[in-house]
Amino acid sequence: MAESGVAPLHDPETPPAHGILLLADDDNSFRQRLALTLSRRGFDVRAAASAAEARQLMQQVVPAYAVLDLRLGDGNGLDLVAELRALHPLTRVVILTGYGNLATAVAAVKEGAIDYLAKPVDPEDLINALITTGSERPEPPEDPMSADRVRWEHIQRVYELCDRNVSETARRLKMHRRTLQRILAKRSPK
């Protein structure tokens, strides 16, 4: 398998069932495993280890699908969504992240992603998100986030956007600084 993924991973004797899929993730082992799984499921996977490689691939191929990591070593998956949608508006994009939160999910959808999945992702959930269209809707999650978890995720997102500045985060959330410090000191609710 090619490291950067410029070469297709599918069997050249069998045409891909689903078309070209752009996969961008900076975790080498995860990217390679996912690329192999998706290629076995009928996608012509073109893998990139960085935002720069993904941009290069976007210029070379017209992907029907894209799976982009939110945080790449040299960029942001949300920026790639906007660029990809500008170049190839029909590409179905799914964002993957190990740092899932509601605010980022909303931002991903606003940029044009069709779904937002947390790592480690179940390949079946990913494939369903990619190929489900129109009136077909995937089943709701078995264990959705609690309201406390959604609140915590929002606070974490604002905290990160404020460069981990507690005073600025408290001001933006209209919250007392000590209250925010207590929330940040706790583990995330389930």
N, C-alpha and C. Protein backbone atom coordinates (compact mmCIF):
# COMPACT_ATOMS: atom_id res chain seq x y z
N MET A 1 0.85 -1.18 0.00
CA MET A 1 0.00 0.00 0.00
C MET A 1 0.89 1.23 0.00
N ALA A 2 0.58 2.19 -0.82
CA ALA A 2 1.37 3.41 -0.90
C ALA A 2 1.15 4.24 0.36
N GLU A 3 2.24 4.82 0.88
CA GLU A 3 2.15 5.59 2.13
C GLU A 3 1.24 6.80 1.96
N SER A 4 1.47 7.60 0.91
CA SER A 4 0.64 8.79 0.74
C SER A 4 -0.70 8.45 0.13
N GLY A 5 -0.79 7.28 -0.50
CA GLY A 5 -2.08 6.85 -1.01
C GLY A 5 -2.38 7.39 -2.40
N VAL A 6 -1.41 7.95 -3.11
CA VAL A 6 -1.68 8.47 -4.44
C VAL A 6 -2.11 7.34 -5.36
N ALA A 7 -1.51 6.17 -5.19
CA ALA A 7 -1.93 5.01 -5.98
C ALA A 7 -3.20 4.43 -5.39
N PRO A 8 -4.14 3.97 -6.24
CA PRO A 8 -5.37 3.39 -5.73
C PRO A 8 -5.09 2.11 -4.96
N LEU A 9 -5.94 1.83 -3.97
CA LEU A 9 -5.76 0.65 -3.14
C LEU A 9 -6.62 -0.53 -3.57
N HIS A 10 -7.55 -0.31 -4.47
CA HIS A 10 -8.44 -1.40 -4.88
C HIS A 10 -7.75 -2.31 -5.89
N ASP A 11 -8.33 -3.47 -6.08
CA ASP A 11 -7.84 -4.42 -7.06
C ASP A 11 -8.11 -3.86 -8.46
N PRO A 12 -7.08 -3.64 -9.29
CA PRO A 12 -7.30 -3.02 -10.60
C PRO A 12 -8.17 -3.88 -11.53
N GLU A 13 -8.29 -5.17 -11.24
CA GLU A 13 -9.12 -6.05 -12.07
C GLU A 13 -10.61 -5.83 -11.82
N THR A 14 -10.97 -5.33 -10.65
CA THR A 14 -12.37 -5.14 -10.28
C THR A 14 -12.65 -3.64 -10.13
N PRO A 15 -13.57 -3.09 -10.92
CA PRO A 15 -13.86 -1.67 -10.76
C PRO A 15 -14.50 -1.40 -9.40
N PRO A 16 -14.20 -0.22 -8.79
CA PRO A 16 -14.80 0.09 -7.49
C PRO A 16 -16.31 0.26 -7.61
N ALA A 17 -17.02 -0.19 -6.59
CA ALA A 17 -18.48 -0.12 -6.60
C ALA A 17 -18.98 1.29 -6.30
N HIS A 18 -18.23 2.04 -5.52
CA HIS A 18 -18.73 3.33 -5.05
C HIS A 18 -18.01 4.54 -5.63
N GLY A 19 -16.87 4.42 -6.22
CA GLY A 19 -16.14 5.57 -6.75
C GLY A 19 -14.96 5.95 -5.88
N ILE A 20 -14.36 7.09 -6.22
CA ILE A 20 -13.16 7.55 -5.53
C ILE A 20 -13.52 8.15 -4.18
N LEU A 21 -12.72 7.79 -3.16
CA LEU A 21 -12.89 8.32 -1.81
C LEU A 21 -11.56 8.93 -1.37
N LEU A 22 -11.60 10.20 -0.99
CA LEU A 22 -10.42 10.88 -0.46
C LEU A 22 -10.41 10.70 1.05
N LEU A 23 -9.34 10.12 1.58
CA LEU A 23 -9.19 9.90 3.01
C LEU A 23 -7.99 10.71 3.50
N ALA A 24 -8.23 11.64 4.44
CA ALA A 24 -7.14 12.44 5.00
C ALA A 24 -7.10 12.26 6.50
N ASP A 25 -6.01 11.67 6.99
CA ASP A 25 -5.82 11.46 8.43
C ASP A 25 -4.33 11.37 8.69
N ASP A 26 -3.85 12.06 9.73
CA ASP A 26 -2.40 12.06 9.99
C ASP A 26 -1.94 10.91 10.87
N ASP A 27 -2.85 10.08 11.35
CA ASP A 27 -2.50 8.88 12.12
C ASP A 27 -2.25 7.75 11.12
N ASN A 28 -0.99 7.41 10.90
CA ASN A 28 -0.62 6.45 9.86
C ASN A 28 -1.32 5.11 9.98
N SER A 29 -1.27 4.50 11.16
CA SER A 29 -1.87 3.17 11.28
C SER A 29 -3.38 3.21 11.12
N PHE A 30 -4.04 4.21 11.68
CA PHE A 30 -5.49 4.34 11.52
C PHE A 30 -5.85 4.55 10.06
N ARG A 31 -5.11 5.44 9.38
CA ARG A 31 -5.38 5.74 7.97
C ARG A 31 -5.21 4.49 7.11
N GLN A 32 -4.15 3.73 7.36
CA GLN A 32 -3.91 2.54 6.56
C GLN A 32 -4.98 1.47 6.78
N ARG A 33 -5.37 1.27 8.05
CA ARG A 33 -6.42 0.29 8.34
C ARG A 33 -7.74 0.69 7.71
N LEU A 34 -8.10 1.97 7.87
CA LEU A 34 -9.37 2.44 7.32
C LEU A 34 -9.36 2.39 5.80
N ALA A 35 -8.24 2.77 5.19
CA ALA A 35 -8.13 2.73 3.72
C ALA A 35 -8.31 1.30 3.22
N LEU A 36 -7.69 0.35 3.88
CA LEU A 36 -7.82 -1.05 3.47
C LEU A 36 -9.27 -1.53 3.62
N THR A 37 -9.89 -1.20 4.74
CA THR A 37 -11.28 -1.61 4.98
C THR A 37 -12.21 -1.01 3.92
N LEU A 38 -12.05 0.29 3.66
CA LEU A 38 -12.93 0.95 2.69
C LEU A 38 -12.69 0.45 1.27
N SER A 39 -11.44 0.16 0.93
CA SER A 39 -11.16 -0.36 -0.41
C SER A 39 -11.77 -1.75 -0.58
N ARG A 40 -11.76 -2.55 0.48
CA ARG A 40 -12.39 -3.88 0.43
C ARG A 40 -13.91 -3.78 0.29
N ARG A 41 -14.47 -2.63 0.70
CA ARG A 41 -15.91 -2.43 0.62
C ARG A 41 -16.34 -1.70 -0.66
N GLY A 42 -15.41 -1.57 -1.62
CA GLY A 42 -15.78 -1.05 -2.93
C GLY A 42 -15.45 0.40 -3.20
N PHE A 43 -14.67 1.05 -2.35
CA PHE A 43 -14.27 2.43 -2.59
C PHE A 43 -12.87 2.44 -3.20
N ASP A 44 -12.63 3.35 -4.12
CA ASP A 44 -11.31 3.57 -4.70
C ASP A 44 -10.64 4.63 -3.82
N VAL A 45 -9.90 4.18 -2.80
CA VAL A 45 -9.38 5.07 -1.76
C VAL A 45 -8.08 5.74 -2.20
N ARG A 46 -8.06 7.07 -2.02
CA ARG A 46 -6.84 7.85 -2.21
C ARG A 46 -6.56 8.49 -0.85
N ALA A 47 -5.49 8.06 -0.20
CA ALA A 47 -5.21 8.47 1.17
C ALA A 47 -4.15 9.56 1.23
N ALA A 48 -4.34 10.48 2.18
CA ALA A 48 -3.40 11.58 2.40
C ALA A 48 -3.06 11.64 3.87
N ALA A 49 -1.78 11.91 4.17
CA ALA A 49 -1.33 11.99 5.56
C ALA A 49 -1.36 13.41 6.10
N SER A 50 -1.69 14.38 5.25
CA SER A 50 -1.68 15.78 5.69
C SER A 50 -2.68 16.58 4.87
N ALA A 51 -2.93 17.81 5.33
CA ALA A 51 -3.82 18.70 4.60
C ALA A 51 -3.21 19.04 3.23
N ALA A 52 -1.89 19.23 3.20
CA ALA A 52 -1.22 19.56 1.94
C ALA A 52 -1.38 18.42 0.92
N GLU A 53 -1.21 17.17 1.37
CA GLU A 53 -1.40 16.03 0.46
C GLU A 53 -2.85 15.94 0.01
N ALA A 54 -3.78 16.21 0.92
CA ALA A 54 -5.20 16.17 0.56
C ALA A 54 -5.51 17.22 -0.50
N ARG A 55 -4.96 18.41 -0.35
CA ARG A 55 -5.18 19.48 -1.34
C ARG A 55 -4.63 19.07 -2.71
N GLN A 56 -3.48 18.42 -2.68
CA GLN A 56 -2.88 17.96 -3.93
C GLN A 56 -3.79 16.92 -4.60
N LEU A 57 -4.30 15.99 -3.82
CA LEU A 57 -5.20 14.97 -4.36
C LEU A 57 -6.49 15.57 -4.89
N MET A 58 -7.00 16.62 -4.21
CA MET A 58 -8.23 17.29 -4.66
C MET A 58 -8.07 17.86 -6.06
N GLN A 59 -6.85 18.27 -6.39
CA GLN A 59 -6.58 18.82 -7.72
C GLN A 59 -6.45 17.72 -8.77
N GLN A 60 -6.05 16.52 -8.34
CA GLN A 60 -5.78 15.43 -9.28
C GLN A 60 -6.99 14.56 -9.59
N VAL A 61 -7.89 14.40 -8.62
CA VAL A 61 -9.03 13.51 -8.79
C VAL A 61 -10.32 14.21 -8.38
N VAL A 62 -11.44 13.66 -8.82
CA VAL A 62 -12.75 14.16 -8.42
C VAL A 62 -13.37 13.09 -7.52
N PRO A 63 -13.21 13.25 -6.20
CA PRO A 63 -13.74 12.23 -5.31
C PRO A 63 -15.27 12.30 -5.18
N ALA A 64 -15.89 11.14 -5.17
CA ALA A 64 -17.32 11.07 -4.90
C ALA A 64 -17.57 11.20 -3.41
N TYR A 65 -16.56 10.80 -2.61
CA TYR A 65 -16.65 10.80 -1.15
C TYR A 65 -15.35 11.32 -0.56
N ALA A 66 -15.46 11.84 0.66
CA ALA A 66 -14.26 12.25 1.39
C ALA A 66 -14.47 11.98 2.87
N VAL A 67 -13.43 11.45 3.50
CA VAL A 67 -13.42 11.24 4.95
C VAL A 67 -12.21 12.02 5.45
N LEU A 68 -12.47 13.07 6.24
CA LEU A 68 -11.41 13.99 6.65
C LEU A 68 -11.32 14.04 8.17
N ASP A 69 -10.09 13.93 8.67
CA ASP A 69 -9.85 14.09 10.09
C ASP A 69 -9.96 15.58 10.42
N LEU A 70 -10.54 15.89 11.56
CA LEU A 70 -10.70 17.28 11.95
C LEU A 70 -9.36 17.96 12.17
N ARG A 71 -8.46 17.27 12.90
CA ARG A 71 -7.16 17.87 13.21
C ARG A 71 -6.07 17.11 12.47
N LEU A 72 -5.49 17.79 11.51
CA LEU A 72 -4.35 17.24 10.78
C LEU A 72 -3.11 17.98 11.24
N GLY A 73 -1.97 17.38 11.11
CA GLY A 73 -0.74 17.98 11.60
C GLY A 73 -0.47 19.36 11.02
N ASP A 74 -0.88 19.58 9.78
CA ASP A 74 -0.59 20.85 9.12
C ASP A 74 -1.84 21.64 8.74
N GLY A 75 -2.97 21.31 9.37
CA GLY A 75 -4.18 22.04 9.02
C GLY A 75 -5.41 21.52 9.72
N ASN A 76 -6.54 22.04 9.26
CA ASN A 76 -7.82 21.74 9.87
C ASN A 76 -8.74 21.10 8.84
N GLY A 77 -9.39 20.01 9.22
CA GLY A 77 -10.31 19.33 8.32
C GLY A 77 -11.48 20.19 7.89
N LEU A 78 -11.91 21.13 8.75
CA LEU A 78 -13.01 22.02 8.38
C LEU A 78 -12.63 22.90 7.19
N ASP A 79 -11.38 23.37 7.17
CA ASP A 79 -10.91 24.16 6.03
C ASP A 79 -10.92 23.32 4.76
N LEU A 80 -10.53 22.06 4.90
CA LEU A 80 -10.53 21.17 3.74
C LEU A 80 -11.94 20.93 3.21
N VAL A 81 -12.92 20.87 4.12
CA VAL A 81 -14.31 20.67 3.68
C VAL A 81 -14.71 21.82 2.76
N ALA A 82 -14.46 23.05 3.19
CA ALA A 82 -14.83 24.21 2.39
C ALA A 82 -14.12 24.20 1.03
N GLU A 83 -12.83 23.89 1.04
CA GLU A 83 -12.06 23.86 -0.21
C GLU A 83 -12.56 22.75 -1.13
N LEU A 84 -12.81 21.59 -0.56
CA LEU A 84 -13.29 20.45 -1.34
C LEU A 84 -14.66 20.74 -1.95
N ARG A 85 -15.55 21.33 -1.15
CA ARG A 85 -16.90 21.64 -1.64
C ARG A 85 -16.84 22.70 -2.75
N ALA A 86 -15.88 23.62 -2.67
CA ALA A 86 -15.74 24.63 -3.72
C ALA A 86 -15.27 24.00 -5.03
N LEU A 87 -14.34 23.04 -4.93
CA LEU A 87 -13.82 22.37 -6.13
C LEU A 87 -14.78 21.32 -6.67
N HIS A 88 -15.35 20.55 -5.78
CA HIS A 88 -16.18 19.40 -6.16
C HIS A 88 -17.47 19.42 -5.31
N PRO A 89 -18.46 20.20 -5.67
CA PRO A 89 -19.64 20.40 -4.82
C PRO A 89 -20.48 19.14 -4.56
N LEU A 90 -20.34 18.11 -5.38
CA LEU A 90 -21.15 16.91 -5.18
C LEU A 90 -20.48 15.87 -4.28
N THR A 91 -19.26 16.13 -3.85
CA THR A 91 -18.56 15.20 -2.98
C THR A 91 -19.25 15.11 -1.63
N ARG A 92 -19.50 13.88 -1.18
CA ARG A 92 -20.13 13.64 0.13
C ARG A 92 -19.01 13.53 1.17
N VAL A 93 -18.99 14.47 2.12
CA VAL A 93 -17.89 14.58 3.08
C VAL A 93 -18.34 14.19 4.48
N VAL A 94 -17.51 13.37 5.14
CA VAL A 94 -17.71 13.02 6.54
C VAL A 94 -16.46 13.45 7.30
N ILE A 95 -16.66 14.12 8.42
CA ILE A 95 -15.55 14.54 9.29
C ILE A 95 -15.39 13.51 10.40
N LEU A 96 -14.14 13.13 10.67
CA LEU A 96 -13.81 12.24 11.79
C LEU A 96 -12.99 13.01 12.81
N THR A 97 -13.19 12.72 14.07
CA THR A 97 -12.37 13.38 15.08
C THR A 97 -12.28 12.56 16.35
N GLY A 98 -11.16 12.71 17.01
CA GLY A 98 -10.99 12.15 18.34
C GLY A 98 -11.34 13.17 19.40
N TYR A 99 -11.72 14.38 18.98
CA TYR A 99 -12.03 15.48 19.89
C TYR A 99 -13.44 15.96 19.63
N GLY A 100 -14.40 15.06 19.64
CA GLY A 100 -15.75 15.40 19.26
C GLY A 100 -16.43 16.38 20.20
N ASN A 101 -17.10 17.35 19.62
CA ASN A 101 -17.97 18.22 20.40
C ASN A 101 -19.03 18.79 19.48
N LEU A 102 -20.11 19.22 20.08
CA LEU A 102 -21.27 19.66 19.34
C LEU A 102 -20.99 20.87 18.47
N ALA A 103 -20.28 21.85 18.99
CA ALA A 103 -20.02 23.07 18.22
C ALA A 103 -19.24 22.76 16.95
N THR A 104 -18.27 21.86 17.04
CA THR A 104 -17.48 21.51 15.86
C THR A 104 -18.33 20.72 14.87
N ALA A 105 -19.21 19.88 15.37
CA ALA A 105 -20.11 19.13 14.49
C ALA A 105 -20.99 20.09 13.70
N VAL A 106 -21.52 21.09 14.37
CA VAL A 106 -22.35 22.09 13.69
C VAL A 106 -21.53 22.82 12.64
N ALA A 107 -20.31 23.21 12.99
CA ALA A 107 -19.44 23.91 12.04
C ALA A 107 -19.15 23.03 10.83
N ALA A 108 -18.92 21.74 11.05
CA ALA A 108 -18.64 20.81 9.94
C ALA A 108 -19.82 20.73 8.99
N VAL A 109 -21.02 20.63 9.53
CA VAL A 109 -22.22 20.55 8.70
C VAL A 109 -22.43 21.86 7.95
N LYS A 110 -22.19 22.99 8.61
CA LYS A 110 -22.33 24.28 7.94
C LYS A 110 -21.36 24.42 6.77
N GLU A 111 -20.18 23.83 6.89
CA GLU A 111 -19.19 23.89 5.81
C GLU A 111 -19.56 22.96 4.66
N GLY A 112 -20.46 22.01 4.90
CA GLY A 112 -20.88 21.12 3.83
C GLY A 112 -20.69 19.64 4.09
N ALA A 113 -20.22 19.27 5.27
CA ALA A 113 -20.09 17.85 5.60
C ALA A 113 -21.49 17.25 5.78
N ILE A 114 -21.64 15.98 5.43
CA ILE A 114 -22.93 15.33 5.60
C ILE A 114 -23.05 14.67 6.96
N ASP A 115 -21.91 14.42 7.62
CA ASP A 115 -21.94 13.80 8.94
C ASP A 115 -20.63 14.08 9.66
N TYR A 116 -20.64 13.77 10.95
CA TYR A 116 -19.52 14.04 11.84
C TYR A 116 -19.46 12.85 12.79
N LEU A 117 -18.38 12.08 12.74
CA LEU A 117 -18.28 10.86 13.55
C LEU A 117 -17.04 10.90 14.43
N ALA A 118 -17.18 10.38 15.64
CA ALA A 118 -16.07 10.35 16.59
C ALA A 118 -15.22 9.11 16.38
N LYS A 119 -13.91 9.26 16.57
CA LYS A 119 -12.99 8.13 16.53
C LYS A 119 -13.00 7.43 17.88
N PRO A 120 -12.76 6.18 17.95
CA PRO A 120 -12.57 5.28 16.81
C PRO A 120 -13.91 5.02 16.15
N VAL A 121 -13.96 5.12 14.86
CA VAL A 121 -15.22 4.99 14.13
C VAL A 121 -15.43 3.54 13.72
N ASP A 122 -16.67 3.11 13.82
CA ASP A 122 -17.05 1.79 13.32
C ASP A 122 -17.14 1.92 11.80
N PRO A 123 -16.40 1.10 11.05
CA PRO A 123 -16.44 1.22 9.58
C PRO A 123 -17.86 1.14 9.01
N GLU A 124 -18.72 0.34 9.60
CA GLU A 124 -20.10 0.24 9.10
C GLU A 124 -20.84 1.56 9.26
N ASP A 125 -20.65 2.24 10.41
CA ASP A 125 -21.28 3.54 10.61
C ASP A 125 -20.76 4.55 9.59
N LEU A 126 -19.47 4.51 9.30
CA LEU A 126 -18.88 5.42 8.34
C LEU A 126 -19.44 5.15 6.94
N ILE A 127 -19.47 3.90 6.54
CA ILE A 127 -19.98 3.55 5.21
C ILE A 127 -21.44 3.94 5.08
N ASN A 128 -22.24 3.69 6.13
CA ASN A 128 -23.65 4.09 6.10
C ASN A 128 -23.79 5.60 5.95
N ALA A 129 -22.96 6.36 6.66
CA ALA A 129 -23.01 7.82 6.55
C ALA A 129 -22.66 8.27 5.13
N LEU A 130 -21.70 7.61 4.51
CA LEU A 130 -21.26 8.00 3.18
C LEU A 130 -22.30 7.68 2.11
N ILE A 131 -22.93 6.52 2.18
CA ILE A 131 -23.79 6.10 1.07
C ILE A 131 -25.28 6.32 1.30
N THR A 132 -25.68 6.72 2.51
CA THR A 132 -27.09 6.99 2.77
C THR A 132 -27.44 8.34 2.16
N THR A 133 -28.51 8.38 1.38
CA THR A 133 -28.89 9.62 0.70
C THR A 133 -30.35 9.98 0.94
N GLY A 134 -30.66 11.24 0.64
CA GLY A 134 -32.03 11.74 0.59
C GLY A 134 -32.94 11.31 1.71
N SER A 135 -34.00 10.59 1.35
CA SER A 135 -35.03 10.21 2.32
C SER A 135 -34.56 9.10 3.25
N GLU A 136 -33.54 8.34 2.82
CA GLU A 136 -33.00 7.32 3.70
C GLU A 136 -32.22 8.03 4.80
N ARG A 137 -32.49 7.72 6.01
CA ARG A 137 -31.77 8.33 7.12
C ARG A 137 -31.22 7.24 8.00
N PRO A 138 -29.99 7.39 8.48
CA PRO A 138 -29.44 6.38 9.38
C PRO A 138 -30.23 6.34 10.69
N GLU A 139 -30.17 5.21 11.34
CA GLU A 139 -30.84 5.06 12.63
C GLU A 139 -30.25 6.03 13.65
N PRO A 140 -31.07 6.53 14.57
CA PRO A 140 -30.51 7.39 15.62
C PRO A 140 -29.57 6.58 16.50
N PRO A 141 -28.62 7.26 17.15
CA PRO A 141 -27.66 6.52 17.98
C PRO A 141 -28.34 5.82 19.14
N GLU A 142 -27.78 4.66 19.49
CA GLU A 142 -28.31 3.89 20.61
C GLU A 142 -28.15 4.63 21.93
N ASP A 143 -27.02 5.32 22.06
CA ASP A 143 -26.68 5.99 23.31
C ASP A 143 -26.32 7.45 23.03
N PRO A 144 -27.32 8.33 22.80
CA PRO A 144 -27.01 9.72 22.48
C PRO A 144 -26.40 10.45 23.67
N MET A 145 -25.75 11.60 23.39
CA MET A 145 -25.13 12.39 24.46
C MET A 145 -26.20 12.96 25.39
N SER A 146 -25.87 12.99 26.67
CA SER A 146 -26.77 13.60 27.64
C SER A 146 -26.69 15.12 27.52
N ALA A 147 -27.67 15.81 28.08
CA ALA A 147 -27.67 17.28 28.06
C ALA A 147 -26.44 17.81 28.80
N ASP A 148 -26.05 17.16 29.89
CA ASP A 148 -24.85 17.58 30.62
C ASP A 148 -23.61 17.45 29.75
N ARG A 149 -23.53 16.38 28.98
CA ARG A 149 -22.39 16.16 28.10
C ARG A 149 -22.35 17.23 27.00
N VAL A 150 -23.51 17.55 26.42
CA VAL A 150 -23.58 18.57 25.37
C VAL A 150 -23.09 19.91 25.93
N ARG A 151 -23.54 20.27 27.14
CA ARG A 151 -23.11 21.52 27.78
C ARG A 151 -21.59 21.51 27.99
N TRP A 152 -21.08 20.40 28.52
CA TRP A 152 -19.65 20.27 28.77
C TRP A 152 -18.86 20.42 27.47
N GLU A 153 -19.34 19.77 26.40
CA GLU A 153 -18.67 19.85 25.10
C GLU A 153 -18.64 21.30 24.60
N HIS A 154 -19.74 22.02 24.77
CA HIS A 154 -19.80 23.42 24.33
C HIS A 154 -18.77 24.26 25.11
N ILE A 155 -18.72 24.06 26.41
CA ILE A 155 -17.77 24.80 27.24
C ILE A 155 -16.34 24.49 26.79
N GLN A 156 -16.04 23.22 26.52
CA GLN A 156 -14.71 22.83 26.06
C GLN A 156 -14.36 23.48 24.73
N ARG A 157 -15.32 23.54 23.84
CA ARG A 157 -15.10 24.16 22.52
C ARG A 157 -14.76 25.65 22.67
N VAL A 158 -15.53 26.36 23.48
CA VAL A 158 -15.27 27.79 23.68
C VAL A 158 -13.91 27.98 24.36
N TYR A 159 -13.60 27.12 25.32
CA TYR A 159 -12.31 27.17 26.02
C TYR A 159 -11.16 27.01 25.03
N GLU A 160 -11.28 26.06 24.10
CA GLU A 160 -10.24 25.85 23.09
C GLU A 160 -10.15 27.06 22.15
N LEU A 161 -11.30 27.61 21.75
CA LEU A 161 -11.30 28.77 20.86
C LEU A 161 -10.67 30.00 21.52
N CYS A 162 -10.73 30.05 22.84
CA CYS A 162 -10.13 31.16 23.59
C CYS A 162 -8.68 30.85 23.99
N ASP A 163 -8.08 29.89 23.32
CA ASP A 163 -6.69 29.49 23.59
C ASP A 163 -6.48 29.11 25.05
N ARG A 164 -7.45 28.42 25.63
CA ARG A 164 -7.40 27.91 27.00
C ARG A 164 -7.24 29.03 28.04
N ASN A 165 -7.78 30.20 27.72
CA ASN A 165 -7.77 31.33 28.64
C ASN A 165 -9.07 31.28 29.44
N VAL A 166 -8.96 30.97 30.73
CA VAL A 166 -10.14 30.79 31.59
C VAL A 166 -10.94 32.09 31.70
N SER A 167 -10.26 33.20 31.91
CA SER A 167 -10.96 34.48 32.08
C SER A 167 -11.76 34.85 30.84
N GLU A 168 -11.14 34.72 29.66
CA GLU A 168 -11.83 35.05 28.42
C GLU A 168 -12.99 34.09 28.16
N THR A 169 -12.79 32.81 28.44
CA THR A 169 -13.86 31.82 28.26
C THR A 169 -15.03 32.14 29.17
N ALA A 170 -14.75 32.44 30.43
CA ALA A 170 -15.82 32.78 31.38
C ALA A 170 -16.58 34.01 30.92
N ARG A 171 -15.87 35.00 30.41
CA ARG A 171 -16.53 36.21 29.93
C ARG A 171 -17.45 35.89 28.76
N ARG A 172 -16.97 35.11 27.81
CA ARG A 172 -17.78 34.79 26.63
C ARG A 172 -18.99 33.91 26.97
N LEU A 173 -18.82 33.04 27.95
CA LEU A 173 -19.93 32.17 28.35
C LEU A 173 -20.86 32.84 29.37
N LYS A 174 -20.49 34.08 29.77
CA LYS A 174 -21.27 34.81 30.79
C LYS A 174 -21.41 33.96 32.05
N MET A 175 -20.26 33.51 32.52
CA MET A 175 -20.18 32.59 33.63
C MET A 175 -19.13 33.10 34.61
N HIS A 176 -19.32 32.84 35.89
CA HIS A 176 -18.31 33.24 36.87
C HIS A 176 -17.05 32.41 36.65
N ARG A 177 -15.90 33.05 36.80
CA ARG A 177 -14.62 32.39 36.54
C ARG A 177 -14.41 31.15 37.41
N ARG A 178 -14.75 31.23 38.69
CA ARG A 178 -14.58 30.07 39.59
C ARG A 178 -15.49 28.91 39.20
N THR A 179 -16.70 29.23 38.78
CA THR A 179 -17.62 28.18 38.33
C THR A 179 -17.03 27.46 37.12
N LEU A 180 -16.50 28.24 36.19
CA LEU A 180 -15.87 27.65 35.01
C LEU A 180 -14.68 26.79 35.40
N GLN A 181 -13.85 27.26 36.32
CA GLN A 181 -12.70 26.47 36.76
C GLN A 181 -13.13 25.14 37.36
N ARG A 182 -14.22 25.13 38.13
CA ARG A 182 -14.72 23.87 38.71
C ARG A 182 -15.18 22.92 37.61
N ILE A 183 -15.87 23.45 36.60
CA ILE A 183 -16.36 22.61 35.50
C ILE A 183 -15.18 22.03 34.72
N LEU A 184 -14.18 22.86 34.46
CA LEU A 184 -13.01 22.41 33.69
C LEU A 184 -12.19 21.38 34.44
N ALA A 185 -12.22 21.43 35.77
CA ALA A 185 -11.45 20.49 36.59
C ALA A 185 -12.09 19.11 36.62
N LYS A 186 -13.38 19.03 36.34
CA LYS A 186 -14.09 17.74 36.38
C LYS A 186 -13.90 16.98 35.09
N ARG A 187 -14.14 15.68 35.18
CA ARG A 187 -14.14 14.83 33.98
C ARG A 187 -15.42 15.07 33.21
N SER A 188 -15.40 14.72 31.95
CA SER A 188 -16.60 14.92 31.13
C SER A 188 -17.72 14.00 31.58
N PRO A 189 -18.96 14.53 31.61
CA PRO A 189 -20.09 13.67 31.96
C PRO A 189 -20.37 12.68 30.84
N LYS A 190 -21.06 11.62 31.17
CA LYS A 190 -21.39 10.59 30.18
C LYS A 190 -22.64 10.93 29.44
